[in-house]
C-alpha atoms as a PDB file:
ATOM      1  CA  MET A   1      64.932 -40.821  29.600  1.00  0.00           C
ATOM      2  CA  GLU A   2      67.243 -37.953  29.893  1.00  0.00           C
ATOM      3  CA  THR A   3      69.868 -36.624  27.514  1.00  0.00           C
ATOM      4  CA  HIS A   4      71.654 -33.488  28.535  1.00  0.00           C
ATOM      5  CA  VAL A   5      74.523 -32.590  26.188  1.00  0.00           C
ATOM      6  CA  GLN A   6      73.940 -28.986  25.193  1.00  0.00           C
ATOM      7  CA  ARG A   7      73.768 -27.775  21.605  1.00  0.00           C
ATOM      8  CA  PRO A   8      74.525 -24.152  20.705  1.00  0.00           C
ATOM      9  CA  LEU A   9      71.665 -21.685  20.936  1.00  0.00           C
ATOM     10  CA  SER A  10      71.417 -19.746  17.690  1.00  0.00           C
ATOM     11  CA  LYS A  11      68.381 -17.714  18.777  1.00  0.00           C
ATOM     12  CA  PRO A  12      65.681 -17.874  21.442  1.00  0.00           C
ATOM     13  CA  PHE A  13      63.262 -20.756  21.120  1.00  0.00           C
ATOM     14  CA  LEU A  14      60.637 -19.804  18.560  1.00  0.00           C
ATOM     15  CA  ALA A  15      57.926 -22.408  18.004  1.00  0.00           C
ATOM     16  CA  PRO A  16      57.517 -26.165  17.741  1.00  0.00           C
ATOM     17  CA  VAL A  17      57.378 -27.546  14.222  1.00  0.00           C
ATOM     18  CA  ALA A  18      56.287 -31.091  15.138  1.00  0.00           C
ATOM     19  CA  LYS A  19      52.705 -31.519  13.971  1.00  0.00           C
ATOM     20  CA  PHE A  20      51.360 -34.673  15.593  1.00  0.00           C
ATOM     21  CA  GLN A  21      47.597 -34.259  15.987  1.00  0.00           C
ATOM     22  CA  PRO A  22      45.907 -37.382  17.401  1.00  0.00           C
ATOM     23  CA  ALA A  23      42.172 -37.880  16.951  1.00  0.00           C
ATOM     24  CA  ASN A  24      41.804 -37.337  20.691  1.00  0.00           C
ATOM     25  CA  PRO A  25      44.387 -34.865  22.039  1.00  0.00           C
ATOM     26  CA  ILE A  26      44.139 -36.366  25.541  1.00  0.00           C
ATOM     27  CA  LEU A  27      46.339 -39.471  25.686  1.00  0.00           C
ATOM     28  CA  GLY A  28      45.243 -40.519  29.158  1.00  0.00           C
ATOM     29  CA  ARG A  29      43.773 -39.570  32.521  1.00  0.00           C
ATOM     30  CA  ILE A  30      44.519 -40.924  35.991  1.00  0.00           C
ATOM     31  CA  GLY A  31      42.503 -39.165  38.664  1.00  0.00           C
ATOM     32  CA  SER A  32      43.133 -35.455  38.312  1.00  0.00           C
ATOM     33  CA  LEU A  33      46.209 -36.070  36.155  1.00  0.00           C
ATOM     34  CA  GLU A  34      45.881 -35.582  32.409  1.00  0.00           C
ATOM     35  CA  VAL A  35      48.566 -36.495  29.873  1.00  0.00           C
ATOM     36  CA  ARG A  36      48.767 -35.082  26.360  1.00  0.00           C
ATOM     37  CA  LEU A  37      51.107 -33.249  24.017  1.00  0.00           C
ATOM     38  CA  ALA A  38      51.841 -29.567  24.487  1.00  0.00           C
ATOM     39  CA  ALA A  39      49.562 -27.747  22.067  1.00  0.00           C
ATOM     40  CA  SER A  40      50.990 -24.228  22.092  1.00  0.00           C
ATOM     41  CA  LEU A  41      54.235 -22.324  22.417  1.00  0.00           C
ATOM     42  CA  SER A  42      53.260 -21.200  25.918  1.00  0.00           C
ATOM     43  CA  GLU A  43      52.786 -24.812  27.024  1.00  0.00           C
ATOM     44  CA  VAL A  44      56.169 -25.823  25.589  1.00  0.00           C
ATOM     45  CA  GLU A  45      57.813 -22.921  27.428  1.00  0.00           C
ATOM     46  CA  ALA A  46      56.034 -23.913  30.652  1.00  0.00           C
ATOM     47  CA  ALA A  47      57.436 -27.444  30.244  1.00  0.00           C
ATOM     48  CA  GLN A  48      60.900 -25.958  29.717  1.00  0.00           C
ATOM     49  CA  ALA A  49      60.446 -23.976  32.941  1.00  0.00           C
ATOM     50  CA  ILE A  50      59.652 -27.228  34.774  1.00  0.00           C
ATOM     51  CA  ARG A  51      62.849 -28.691  33.354  1.00  0.00           C
ATOM     52  CA  TYR A  52      64.777 -25.647  34.597  1.00  0.00           C
ATOM     53  CA  ARG A  53      63.378 -26.060  38.111  1.00  0.00           C
ATOM     54  CA  VAL A  54      64.403 -29.717  38.236  1.00  0.00           C
ATOM     55  CA  PHE A  55      67.699 -29.701  36.330  1.00  0.00           C
ATOM     56  CA  VAL A  56      69.105 -26.333  37.442  1.00  0.00           C
ATOM     57  CA  GLU A  57      67.516 -25.360  40.733  1.00  0.00           C
ATOM     58  CA  GLU A  58      67.402 -28.886  42.130  1.00  0.00           C
ATOM     59  CA  MET A  59      70.246 -30.753  40.427  1.00  0.00           C
ATOM     60  CA  GLY A  60      72.667 -27.875  39.849  1.00  0.00           C
ATOM     61  CA  ALA A  61      72.973 -28.087  36.068  1.00  0.00           C
ATOM     62  CA  GLN A  62      74.711 -25.228  34.284  1.00  0.00           C
ATOM     63  CA  LEU A  63      72.926 -24.179  31.091  1.00  0.00           C
ATOM     64  CA  PRO A  64      74.048 -21.617  28.499  1.00  0.00           C
ATOM     65  CA  ALA A  65      73.745 -18.042  29.786  1.00  0.00           C
ATOM     66  CA  GLU A  66      70.704 -17.272  27.636  1.00  0.00           C
ATOM     67  CA  ALA A  67      68.737 -20.217  29.040  1.00  0.00           C
ATOM     68  CA  MET A  68      69.819 -19.408  32.595  1.00  0.00           C
ATOM     69  CA  MET A  69      68.606 -15.841  32.190  1.00  0.00           C
ATOM     70  CA  GLN A  70      65.212 -16.968  30.888  1.00  0.00           C
ATOM     71  CA  LYS A  71      64.948 -19.733  33.531  1.00  0.00           C
ATOM     72  CA  ARG A  72      64.020 -22.280  30.904  1.00  0.00           C
ATOM     73  CA  ASP A  73      65.937 -25.378  29.851  1.00  0.00           C
ATOM     74  CA  TYR A  74      65.826 -25.292  26.070  1.00  0.00           C
ATOM     75  CA  ASP A  75      67.918 -25.855  22.980  1.00  0.00           C
ATOM     76  CA  THR A  76      67.465 -25.870  19.214  1.00  0.00           C
ATOM     77  CA  ILE A  77      66.243 -29.478  19.211  1.00  0.00           C
ATOM     78  CA  ASP A  78      63.162 -28.499  21.219  1.00  0.00           C
ATOM     79  CA  ARG A  79      61.840 -26.819  18.082  1.00  0.00           C
ATOM     80  CA  TYR A  80      61.170 -30.077  16.234  1.00  0.00           C
ATOM     81  CA  CYS A  81      60.215 -32.410  19.095  1.00  0.00           C
ATOM     82  CA  ASP A  82      56.823 -33.253  20.518  1.00  0.00           C
ATOM     83  CA  HIS A  83      56.542 -32.370  24.210  1.00  0.00           C
ATOM     84  CA  LEU A  84      54.538 -34.738  26.384  1.00  0.00           C
ATOM     85  CA  ILE A  85      53.100 -33.036  29.460  1.00  0.00           C
ATOM     86  CA  VAL A  86      51.287 -34.204  32.566  1.00  0.00           C
ATOM     87  CA  LEU A  87      48.884 -31.707  34.095  1.00  0.00           C
ATOM     88  CA  ASP A  88      47.180 -31.758  37.465  1.00  0.00           C
ATOM     89  CA  THR A  89      43.778 -30.402  36.529  1.00  0.00           C
ATOM     90  CA  ALA A  90      42.934 -29.969  40.225  1.00  0.00           C
ATOM     91  CA  LEU A  91      45.383 -27.073  40.431  1.00  0.00           C
ATOM     92  CA  ALA A  92      44.010 -23.556  40.066  1.00  0.00           C
ATOM     93  CA  GLY A  93      45.213 -21.325  37.259  1.00  0.00           C
ATOM     94  CA  ASP A  94      45.893 -21.596  33.557  1.00  0.00           C
ATOM     95  CA  THR A  95      46.965 -24.791  31.820  1.00  0.00           C
ATOM     96  CA  GLU A  96      50.600 -23.686  31.925  1.00  0.00           C
ATOM     97  CA  GLU A  97      50.408 -23.522  35.731  1.00  0.00           C
ATOM     98  CA  GLN A  98      49.066 -27.087  35.936  1.00  0.00           C
ATOM     99  CA  ILE A  99      52.044 -28.815  34.271  1.00  0.00           C
ATOM    100  CA  VAL A 100      53.826 -31.101  36.757  1.00  0.00           C
ATOM    101  CA  GLY A 101      55.866 -33.383  34.498  1.00  0.00           C
ATOM    102  CA  THR A 102      57.199 -33.649  30.960  1.00  0.00           C
ATOM    103  CA  TYR A 103      59.007 -35.823  28.420  1.00  0.00           C
ATOM    104  CA  ARG A 104      60.529 -34.799  25.106  1.00  0.00           C
ATOM    105  CA  LEU A 105      59.691 -37.121  22.192  1.00  0.00           C
ATOM    106  CA  LEU A 106      61.660 -37.294  18.952  1.00  0.00           C
ATOM    107  CA  ARG A 107      60.677 -39.671  16.172  1.00  0.00           C
ATOM    108  CA  GLN A 108      63.266 -41.083  13.794  1.00  0.00           C
ATOM    109  CA  GLU A 109      61.765 -39.540  10.669  1.00  0.00           C
ATOM    110  CA  VAL A 110      61.660 -36.108  12.322  1.00  0.00           C
ATOM    111  CA  ALA A 111      65.246 -36.399  13.551  1.00  0.00           C
ATOM    112  CA  ALA A 112      66.357 -37.343  10.035  1.00  0.00           C
ATOM    113  CA  ARG A 113      64.863 -34.130   8.623  1.00  0.00           C
ATOM    114  CA  HIS A 114      66.659 -31.929  11.123  1.00  0.00           C
ATOM    115  CA  ASP A 115      69.779 -32.285  13.297  1.00  0.00           C
ATOM    116  CA  GLY A 116      69.474 -35.913  14.321  1.00  0.00           C
ATOM    117  CA  PHE A 117      68.841 -37.484  17.706  1.00  0.00           C
ATOM    118  CA  TYR A 118      69.918 -35.658  20.814  1.00  0.00           C
ATOM    119  CA  SER A 119      71.579 -38.659  22.451  1.00  0.00           C
ATOM    120  CA  GLN A 120      73.962 -39.149  19.534  1.00  0.00           C
ATOM    121  CA  SER A 121      76.088 -36.506  21.250  1.00  0.00           C
ATOM    122  CA  GLU A 122      76.895 -39.160  23.876  1.00  0.00           C
ATOM    123  CA  PHE A 123      76.293 -42.549  22.242  1.00  0.00           C
ATOM    124  CA  ASP A 124      76.665 -43.937  18.717  1.00  0.00           C
ATOM    125  CA  VAL A 125      72.927 -44.368  18.247  1.00  0.00           C
ATOM    126  CA  MET A 126      73.201 -43.917  14.486  1.00  0.00           C
ATOM    127  CA  ASP A 127      75.086 -47.207  14.327  1.00  0.00           C
ATOM    128  CA  LEU A 128      72.193 -48.837  16.213  1.00  0.00           C
ATOM    129  CA  VAL A 129      69.637 -47.311  13.855  1.00  0.00           C
ATOM    130  CA  GLY A 130      71.680 -48.287  10.815  1.00  0.00           C
ATOM    131  CA  ARG A 131      71.822 -51.917  11.946  1.00  0.00           C
ATOM    132  CA  ASN A 132      68.040 -52.015  12.230  1.00  0.00           C
ATOM    133  CA  PRO A 133      66.704 -50.459   9.012  1.00  0.00           C
ATOM    134  CA  ASP A 134      63.343 -52.207   9.414  1.00  0.00           C
ATOM    135  CA  LYS A 135      62.680 -50.624  12.833  1.00  0.00           C
ATOM    136  CA  ARG A 136      61.154 -47.245  13.703  1.00  0.00           C
ATOM    137  CA  PHE A 137      62.871 -45.507  16.618  1.00  0.00           C
ATOM    138  CA  LEU A 138      61.549 -42.998  19.143  1.00  0.00           C
ATOM    139  CA  GLU A 139      63.903 -41.062  21.402  1.00  0.00           C
ATOM    140  CA  LEU A 140      62.656 -40.217  24.894  1.00  0.00           C
ATOM    141  CA  GLY A 141      64.457 -37.388  26.625  1.00  0.00           C
ATOM    142  CA  ARG A 142      64.351 -34.561  29.149  1.00  0.00           C
ATOM    143  CA  SER A 143      62.194 -36.579  31.527  1.00  0.00           C
ATOM    144  CA  CYS A 144      61.396 -34.689  34.712  1.00  0.00           C
ATOM    145  CA  VAL A 145      58.662 -34.405  37.321  1.00  0.00           C
ATOM    146  CA  LEU A 146      58.273 -31.836  40.086  1.00  0.00           C
ATOM    147  CA  ARG A 147      59.454 -33.199  43.407  1.00  0.00           C
ATOM    148  CA  GLU A 148      56.026 -33.258  45.042  1.00  0.00           C
ATOM    149  CA  TYR A 149      54.605 -35.269  42.123  1.00  0.00           C
ATOM    150  CA  ARG A 150      57.227 -38.016  42.011  1.00  0.00           C
ATOM    151  CA  THR A 151      54.716 -40.746  42.661  1.00  0.00           C
ATOM    152  CA  ARG A 152      53.694 -43.963  40.974  1.00  0.00           C
ATOM    153  CA  ARG A 153      50.572 -42.257  39.643  1.00  0.00           C
ATOM    154  CA  THR A 154      52.549 -39.541  37.827  1.00  0.00           C
ATOM    155  CA  LEU A 155      54.960 -42.076  36.337  1.00  0.00           C
ATOM    156  CA  GLU A 156      51.993 -44.131  35.177  1.00  0.00           C
ATOM    157  CA  ALA A 157      50.554 -41.052  33.494  1.00  0.00           C
ATOM    158  CA  LEU A 158      53.852 -40.366  31.701  1.00  0.00           C
ATOM    159  CA  TRP A 159      54.118 -43.966  30.527  1.00  0.00           C
ATOM    160  CA  GLN A 160      50.495 -43.971  29.414  1.00  0.00           C
ATOM    161  CA  GLY A 161      51.390 -41.023  27.195  1.00  0.00           C
ATOM    162  CA  ASN A 162      54.583 -42.614  25.889  1.00  0.00           C
ATOM    163  CA  TRP A 163      52.828 -45.898  25.132  1.00  0.00           C
ATOM    164  CA  ALA A 164      49.870 -44.270  23.383  1.00  0.00           C
ATOM    165  CA  TYR A 165      52.212 -42.054  21.341  1.00  0.00           C
ATOM    166  CA  ALA A 166      54.400 -45.024  20.357  1.00  0.00           C
ATOM    167  CA  LEU A 167      51.366 -46.993  19.223  1.00  0.00           C
ATOM    168  CA  ASN A 168      50.025 -44.038  17.229  1.00  0.00           C
ATOM    169  CA  HIS A 169      53.314 -43.851  15.331  1.00  0.00           C
ATOM    170  CA  ASP A 170      54.020 -47.595  14.948  1.00  0.00           C
ATOM    171  CA  VAL A 171      57.224 -47.268  16.947  1.00  0.00           C
ATOM    172  CA  ASP A 172      59.342 -50.417  17.277  1.00  0.00           C
ATOM    173  CA  VAL A 173      62.027 -49.160  19.662  1.00  0.00           C
ATOM    174  CA  MET A 174      62.046 -46.496  22.361  1.00  0.00           C
ATOM    175  CA  PHE A 175      65.430 -45.331  23.591  1.00  0.00           C
ATOM    176  CA  GLY A 176      67.236 -42.510  25.331  1.00  0.00           C
ATOM    177  CA  CYS A 177      69.569 -41.628  28.147  1.00  0.00           C
ATOM    178  CA  ALA A 178      68.741 -42.295  31.777  1.00  0.00           C
ATOM    179  CA  SER A 179      70.678 -40.257  34.304  1.00  0.00           C
ATOM    180  CA  PHE A 180      72.229 -40.959  37.664  1.00  0.00           C
ATOM    181  CA  PRO A 181      72.862 -37.832  39.756  1.00  0.00           C
ATOM    182  CA  GLY A 182      76.417 -36.578  39.992  1.00  0.00           C
ATOM    183  CA  ASP A 183      79.435 -36.608  37.714  1.00  0.00           C
ATOM    184  CA  ARG A 184      81.362 -39.240  39.688  1.00  0.00           C
ATOM    185  CA  PRO A 185      80.323 -42.527  38.091  1.00  0.00           C
ATOM    186  CA  TYR A 186      82.137 -44.732  40.615  1.00  0.00           C
ATOM    187  CA  ALA A 187      79.742 -43.430  43.263  1.00  0.00           C
ATOM    188  CA  HIS A 188      77.176 -45.538  41.374  1.00  0.00           C
ATOM    189  CA  ALA A 189      79.423 -48.589  40.934  1.00  0.00           C
ATOM    190  CA  LEU A 190      76.944 -50.956  42.601  1.00  0.00           C
ATOM    191  CA  ALA A 191      73.923 -49.906  40.538  1.00  0.00           C
ATOM    192  CA  LEU A 192      75.855 -49.626  37.263  1.00  0.00           C
ATOM    193  CA  SER A 193      77.495 -53.025  37.760  1.00  0.00           C
ATOM    194  CA  PHE A 194      74.110 -54.589  38.508  1.00  0.00           C
ATOM    195  CA  LEU A 195      72.666 -53.121  35.316  1.00  0.00           C
ATOM    196  CA  ASN A 196      75.657 -54.412  33.384  1.00  0.00           C
ATOM    197  CA  GLN A 197      75.182 -57.898  34.832  1.00  0.00           C
ATOM    198  CA  THR A 198      71.406 -58.158  34.454  1.00  0.00           C
ATOM    199  CA  ALA A 199      70.258 -55.855  31.640  1.00  0.00           C
ATOM    200  CA  ALA A 200      73.194 -55.381  29.279  1.00  0.00           C
ATOM    201  CA  ALA A 201      72.132 -55.260  25.644  1.00  0.00           C
ATOM    202  CA  ASN A 202      73.053 -58.238  23.510  1.00  0.00           C
ATOM    203  CA  ALA A 203      74.882 -57.908  20.214  1.00  0.00           C
ATOM    204  CA  ASP A 204      71.710 -56.965  18.340  1.00  0.00           C
ATOM    205  CA  TRP A 205      71.117 -53.911  20.543  1.00  0.00           C
ATOM    206  CA  SER A 206      74.647 -53.071  21.690  1.00  0.00           C
ATOM    207  CA  VAL A 207      75.642 -49.404  21.605  1.00  0.00           C
ATOM    208  CA  ARG A 208      79.004 -47.848  22.345  1.00  0.00           C
ATOM    209  CA  ALA A 209      79.638 -44.421  23.746  1.00  0.00           C
ATOM    210  CA  ILE A 210      81.129 -41.763  21.486  1.00  0.00           C
ATOM    211  CA  ALA A 211      84.871 -42.354  21.242  1.00  0.00           C
ATOM    212  CA  GLY A 212      86.730 -41.040  24.267  1.00  0.00           C
ATOM    213  CA  ARG A 213      83.624 -40.517  26.416  1.00  0.00           C
ATOM    214  CA  GLY A 214      82.652 -44.021  27.533  1.00  0.00           C
ATOM    215  CA  LEU A 215      83.330 -45.656  30.867  1.00  0.00           C
ATOM    216  CA  SER A 216      82.798 -49.388  31.408  1.00  0.00           C
ATOM    217  CA  MET A 217      79.908 -50.217  33.743  1.00  0.00           C
ATOM    218  CA  ASP A 218      81.579 -53.495  34.704  1.00  0.00           C
ATOM    219  CA  MET A 219      82.920 -51.992  37.930  1.00  0.00           C
ATOM    220  CA  MET A 220      82.346 -54.777  40.472  1.00  0.00           C
ATOM    221  CA  PRO A 221      82.586 -58.585  40.380  1.00  0.00           C
ATOM    222  CA  VAL A 222      79.229 -60.324  40.301  1.00  0.00           C
ATOM    223  CA  GLU A 223      79.748 -61.947  43.702  1.00  0.00           C
ATOM    224  CA  ALA A 224      80.102 -58.509  45.303  1.00  0.00           C
ATOM    225  CA  ILE A 225      76.772 -57.219  43.967  1.00  0.00           C
ATOM    226  CA  ASN A 226      73.803 -57.173  46.333  1.00  0.00           C
ATOM    227  CA  PRO A 227      70.780 -56.976  43.987  1.00  0.00           C
ATOM    228  CA  ARG A 228      68.412 -55.464  46.543  1.00  0.00           C
ATOM    229  CA  ALA A 229      70.914 -52.766  47.500  1.00  0.00           C
ATOM    230  CA  ALA A 230      71.719 -52.088  43.841  1.00  0.00           C
ATOM    231  CA  ILE A 231      68.062 -51.544  42.924  1.00  0.00           C
ATOM    232  CA  ALA A 232      67.531 -49.340  45.975  1.00  0.00           C
ATOM    233  CA  ALA A 233      70.451 -47.173  44.814  1.00  0.00           C
ATOM    234  CA  MET A 234      68.901 -46.453  41.409  1.00  0.00           C
ATOM    235  CA  PRO A 235      66.869 -43.362  40.512  1.00  0.00           C
ATOM    236  CA  PRO A 236      63.133 -44.189  40.257  1.00  0.00           C
ATOM    237  CA  LEU A 237      63.106 -43.712  36.490  1.00  0.00           C
ATOM    238  CA  VAL A 238      65.927 -46.223  35.999  1.00  0.00           C
ATOM    239  CA  LYS A 239      64.148 -48.739  38.230  1.00  0.00           C
ATOM    240  CA  GLY A 240      61.020 -48.221  36.156  1.00  0.00           C
ATOM    241  CA  TYR A 241      62.850 -48.931  32.907  1.00  0.00           C
ATOM    242  CA  LEU A 242      64.364 -52.052  34.421  1.00  0.00           C
ATOM    243  CA  ARG A 243      60.950 -53.374  35.483  1.00  0.00           C
ATOM    244  CA  VAL A 244      59.497 -52.767  32.025  1.00  0.00           C
ATOM    245  CA  GLY A 245      62.249 -54.867  30.443  1.00  0.00           C
ATOM    246  CA  ALA A 246      64.680 -52.294  29.054  1.00  0.00           C
ATOM    247  CA  LEU A 247      68.235 -53.053  27.967  1.00  0.00           C
ATOM    248  CA  VAL A 248      71.191 -50.805  28.756  1.00  0.00           C
ATOM    249  CA  SER A 249      74.504 -49.884  27.204  1.00  0.00           C
ATOM    250  CA  SER A 250      77.682 -51.418  28.592  1.00  0.00           C
ATOM    251  CA  GLU A 251      79.228 -47.967  28.953  1.00  0.00           C
ATOM    252  CA  ALA A 252      78.237 -44.828  30.843  1.00  0.00           C
ATOM    253  CA  VAL A 253      78.961 -41.220  29.879  1.00  0.00           C
ATOM    254  CA  VAL A 254      79.541 -38.318  32.258  1.00  0.00           C
ATOM    255  CA  ASP A 255      77.658 -35.132  31.421  1.00  0.00           C
ATOM    256  CA  LEU A 256      79.611 -32.364  33.131  1.00  0.00           C
ATOM    257  CA  ALA A 257      77.135 -29.594  32.276  1.00  0.00           C
ATOM    258  CA  PHE A 258      74.239 -31.409  33.916  1.00  0.00           C
ATOM    259  CA  ARG A 259      76.388 -33.113  36.537  1.00  0.00           C
ATOM    260  CA  THR A 260      74.978 -36.539  35.721  1.00  0.00           C
ATOM    261  CA  THR A 261      76.195 -39.997  34.763  1.00  0.00           C
ATOM    262  CA  ASP A 262      74.186 -41.250  31.785  1.00  0.00           C
ATOM    263  CA  VAL A 263      73.464 -44.712  30.440  1.00  0.00           C
ATOM    264  CA  LEU A 264      71.682 -45.434  27.184  1.00  0.00           C
ATOM    265  CA  VAL A 265      68.446 -47.360  27.653  1.00  0.00           C
ATOM    266  CA  MET A 266      66.798 -49.285  24.811  1.00  0.00           C
ATOM    267  CA  LEU A 267      63.271 -50.653  24.927  1.00  0.00           C
ATOM    268  CA  PRO A 268      62.238 -52.742  21.915  1.00  0.00           C
ATOM    269  CA  VAL A 269      58.439 -52.785  22.027  1.00  0.00           C
ATOM    270  CA  LYS A 270      58.323 -56.563  21.476  1.00  0.00           C
ATOM    271  CA  GLN A 271      60.447 -57.067  24.593  1.00  0.00           C
ATOM    272  CA  ILE A 272      58.302 -55.007  26.966  1.00  0.00           C
ATOM    273  CA  ASN A 273      57.286 -57.055  29.990  1.00  0.00           C
ATOM    274  CA  GLY A 274      53.846 -58.482  29.219  1.00  0.00           C
ATOM    275  CA  ARG A 275      52.314 -57.479  32.523  1.00  0.00           C
ATOM    276  CA  TYR A 276      52.963 -53.815  31.725  1.00  0.00           C
ATOM    277  CA  ILE A 277      51.283 -54.127  28.344  1.00  0.00           C
ATOM    278  CA  ASN A 278      48.347 -55.739  30.136  1.00  0.00           C
ATOM    279  CA  HIS A 279      48.404 -52.905  32.691  1.00  0.00           C
ATOM    280  CA  TYR A 280      48.189 -50.114  30.121  1.00  0.00           C
ATOM    281  CA  GLY A 281      46.351 -52.116  27.492  1.00  0.00           C
ATOM    282  CA  ALA A 282      47.708 -53.404  24.206  1.00  0.00           C
ATOM    283  CA  ASP A 283      45.926 -50.448  22.601  1.00  0.00           C
ATOM    284  CA  ALA A 284      46.779 -48.031  25.476  1.00  0.00           C
ATOM    285  CA  SER A 285      43.143 -48.096  26.477  1.00  0.00           C
ATOM    286  CA  ARG A 286      43.247 -48.540  30.255  1.00  0.00           C
ATOM    287  CA  PHE A 287      43.833 -44.877  31.076  1.00  0.00           C
ATOM    288  CA  ALA A 288      42.501 -43.522  27.804  1.00  0.00           C
ATOM    289  CA  ALA A 289      40.377 -40.408  28.034  1.00  0.00           C
END
């Protein structure tokens, strides 16, 4: 799940302060792919370099000058997040050269001690959290995979890591922004309207965009929506969330800096499609190391 609104850079990225240390640092393995948390500053910076390659060099995002000069996508929030990484251990070189995909993970209690959730710059997620005081939230963001690794196997590795991490921390709800390419939302009218018709969050999970930034996703009448064409028009990550059973906001937000159209995705753990829990294991054991 991707959230791209930039925060000011007060100084170069220093070091992660998140301290999650699972009993087994490897969260999963699928073939030569290994998923775990970044364990050093150099690994975090390598993940940020992967993000730069995808968001800037491929998608045309415009980062602050300091980040552009260093060729790393980073901000002050990186300092207190956990960084999930997928490595291809078949690649030669150091660990940093084996990273092929990444996710940024931010737990509710960590966000509360620092500057909050990243996606609250686009959506009123604090209202959602406030309406569910008995739930523990985990924000997923900055999802990206190198082009040549955008396969089912890599996505499975990422979700193995997310699922294992969520279980380790007793997470009740995963959420974050999912991005459509381009800053012209009506170019995605078919896909957005389909999401609005089939996966819109009910009142319990409804979230509005920050005032003045939201655009209704109800762009086409239901009779004009071809479901097969709508699904084909979605980015792979969005299709994956839909299959798992995620809910979406009724509004989209345009991120001009990253040239994307974002929707907020919410995934209450109890609503995850049962066949995916069976696939990964209720205890995340299927691909466990």
